[in-house]
Amino acid sequence: MVLEAHARHVGLLSPTMERYFTIAMLTQHLTTEPSAAAGCTGAQQEALRATYLEVLDRDEWTQAARAGIAADDNRMR
């Protein structure tokens, strides 16, 4: 599945506001939509969500989000 590969790969990248926004949007979708909307099972959906949240919770990624908020980047609201 493409999202599984993305979830594994994104954690290896350095954080940017754009990446943070993209991951946050994917995580929101995985949280609010049924698993069929992501083309996966419920267990796969939860694993993806957990992987993305783990990345977003890292200190360096949190700092990227805070920089976006401080820069008044509309995506970060």
C-alpha atoms as a PDB file:
ATOM      1  CA  MET A   1       0.000   0.000   0.000  1.00  0.00           C
ATOM      2  CA  VAL A   2       1.285   3.456  -0.905  1.00  0.00           C
ATOM      3  CA  LEU A   3       0.388   5.014   2.455  1.00  0.00           C
ATOM      4  CA  GLU A   4       2.369   2.363   4.317  1.00  0.00           C
ATOM      5  CA  ALA A   5       5.458   3.170   2.261  1.00  0.00           C
ATOM      6  CA  HIS A   6       4.888   6.882   2.801  1.00  0.00           C
ATOM      7  CA  ALA A   7       4.450   6.460   6.549  1.00  0.00           C
ATOM      8  CA  ARG A   8       7.716   4.518   6.775  1.00  0.00           C
ATOM      9  CA  HIS A   9       9.620   6.981   4.599  1.00  0.00           C
ATOM     10  CA  VAL A  10       8.368  10.292   6.002  1.00  0.00           C
ATOM     11  CA  GLY A  11       9.864   9.604   9.408  1.00  0.00           C
ATOM     12  CA  LEU A  12      13.299   9.552   7.799  1.00  0.00           C
ATOM     13  CA  LEU A  13      12.906  13.042   6.340  1.00  0.00           C
ATOM     14  CA  SER A  14      13.688  16.316   8.035  1.00  0.00           C
ATOM     15  CA  PRO A  15      10.618  18.250   9.172  1.00  0.00           C
ATOM     16  CA  THR A  16       9.227  21.190   7.242  1.00  0.00           C
ATOM     17  CA  MET A  17       5.970  23.073   7.600  1.00  0.00           C
ATOM     18  CA  GLU A  18       4.782  21.553   4.318  1.00  0.00           C
ATOM     19  CA  ARG A  19       5.550  18.025   5.455  1.00  0.00           C
ATOM     20  CA  TYR A  20       3.976  18.632   8.847  1.00  0.00           C
ATOM     21  CA  PHE A  21       0.811  19.956   7.192  1.00  0.00           C
ATOM     22  CA  THR A  22       0.622  17.006   4.800  1.00  0.00           C
ATOM     23  CA  ILE A  23       1.079  14.442   7.560  1.00  0.00           C
ATOM     24  CA  ALA A  24      -1.426  16.216   9.797  1.00  0.00           C
ATOM     25  CA  MET A  25      -4.008  16.192   7.010  1.00  0.00           C
ATOM     26  CA  LEU A  26      -3.409  12.502   6.317  1.00  0.00           C
ATOM     27  CA  THR A  27      -3.707  11.747  10.025  1.00  0.00           C
ATOM     28  CA  GLN A  28      -6.957  13.698  10.251  1.00  0.00           C
ATOM     29  CA  HIS A  29      -8.339  11.754   7.295  1.00  0.00           C
ATOM     30  CA  LEU A  30      -7.285   8.456   8.872  1.00  0.00           C
ATOM     31  CA  THR A  31      -8.970   9.532  12.107  1.00  0.00           C
ATOM     32  CA  THR A  32     -12.265  10.833  10.733  1.00  0.00           C
ATOM     33  CA  GLU A  33     -12.965   8.715   7.649  1.00  0.00           C
ATOM     34  CA  PRO A  34     -13.806   5.021   7.386  1.00  0.00           C
ATOM     35  CA  SER A  35     -10.925   2.707   6.534  1.00  0.00           C
ATOM     36  CA  ALA A  36     -12.460   2.000   3.097  1.00  0.00           C
ATOM     37  CA  ALA A  37     -11.892   5.676   2.200  1.00  0.00           C
ATOM     38  CA  ALA A  38      -8.150   5.048   2.602  1.00  0.00           C
ATOM     39  CA  GLY A  39      -8.353   1.697   0.827  1.00  0.00           C
ATOM     40  CA  CYS A  40      -7.284  -0.331   3.831  1.00  0.00           C
ATOM     41  CA  THR A  41      -8.569  -2.398   6.722  1.00  0.00           C
ATOM     42  CA  GLY A  42      -9.344  -0.933  10.124  1.00  0.00           C
ATOM     43  CA  ALA A  43      -6.152  -2.436  11.558  1.00  0.00           C
ATOM     44  CA  GLN A  44      -4.063  -0.975   8.727  1.00  0.00           C
ATOM     45  CA  GLN A  45      -5.729   2.403   9.209  1.00  0.00           C
ATOM     46  CA  GLU A  46      -4.901   2.420  12.911  1.00  0.00           C
ATOM     47  CA  ALA A  47      -1.288   1.398  12.253  1.00  0.00           C
ATOM     48  CA  LEU A  48      -0.896   4.200   9.703  1.00  0.00           C
ATOM     49  CA  ARG A  49      -2.436   6.729  12.047  1.00  0.00           C
ATOM     50  CA  ALA A  50      -0.141   5.644  14.880  1.00  0.00           C
ATOM     51  CA  THR A  51       2.934   5.873  12.645  1.00  0.00           C
ATOM     52  CA  TYR A  52       2.043   9.371  11.461  1.00  0.00           C
ATOM     53  CA  LEU A  53       1.249  10.544  15.001  1.00  0.00           C
ATOM     54  CA  GLU A  54       4.602   9.235  16.224  1.00  0.00           C
ATOM     55  CA  VAL A  55       6.351  11.386  13.616  1.00  0.00           C
ATOM     56  CA  LEU A  56       4.258  14.473  14.401  1.00  0.00           C
ATOM     57  CA  ASP A  57       4.978  14.082  18.118  1.00  0.00           C
ATOM     58  CA  ARG A  58       8.757  14.219  17.665  1.00  0.00           C
ATOM     59  CA  ASP A  59      10.367  17.358  19.092  1.00  0.00           C
ATOM     60  CA  GLU A  60      11.826  18.517  15.772  1.00  0.00           C
ATOM     61  CA  TRP A  61       8.458  18.104  14.033  1.00  0.00           C
ATOM     62  CA  THR A  62       6.677  19.972  16.815  1.00  0.00           C
ATOM     63  CA  GLN A  63       9.191  22.794  16.384  1.00  0.00           C
ATOM     64  CA  ALA A  64       8.389  22.915  12.646  1.00  0.00           C
ATOM     65  CA  ALA A  65       4.689  23.236  13.458  1.00  0.00           C
ATOM     66  CA  ARG A  66       5.369  26.001  15.964  1.00  0.00           C
ATOM     67  CA  ALA A  67       7.476  27.842  13.372  1.00  0.00           C
ATOM     68  CA  GLY A  68       4.556  27.647  10.965  1.00  0.00           C
ATOM     69  CA  ILE A  69       2.180  29.041  13.546  1.00  0.00           C
ATOM     70  CA  ALA A  70       4.634  31.820  14.432  1.00  0.00           C
ATOM     71  CA  ALA A  71       4.988  32.639  10.711  1.00  0.00           C
ATOM     72  CA  ASP A  72       1.171  32.891  10.522  1.00  0.00           C
ATOM     73  CA  ASP A  73       1.060  30.121   7.906  1.00  0.00           C
ATOM     74  CA  ASN A  74      -2.667  29.594   7.254  1.00  0.00           C
ATOM     75  CA  ARG A  75      -2.188  25.858   6.828  1.00  0.00           C
ATOM     76  CA  MET A  76      -1.143  25.551  10.441  1.00  0.00           C
ATOM     77  CA  ARG A  77      -4.355  26.947  11.926  1.00  0.00           C
END
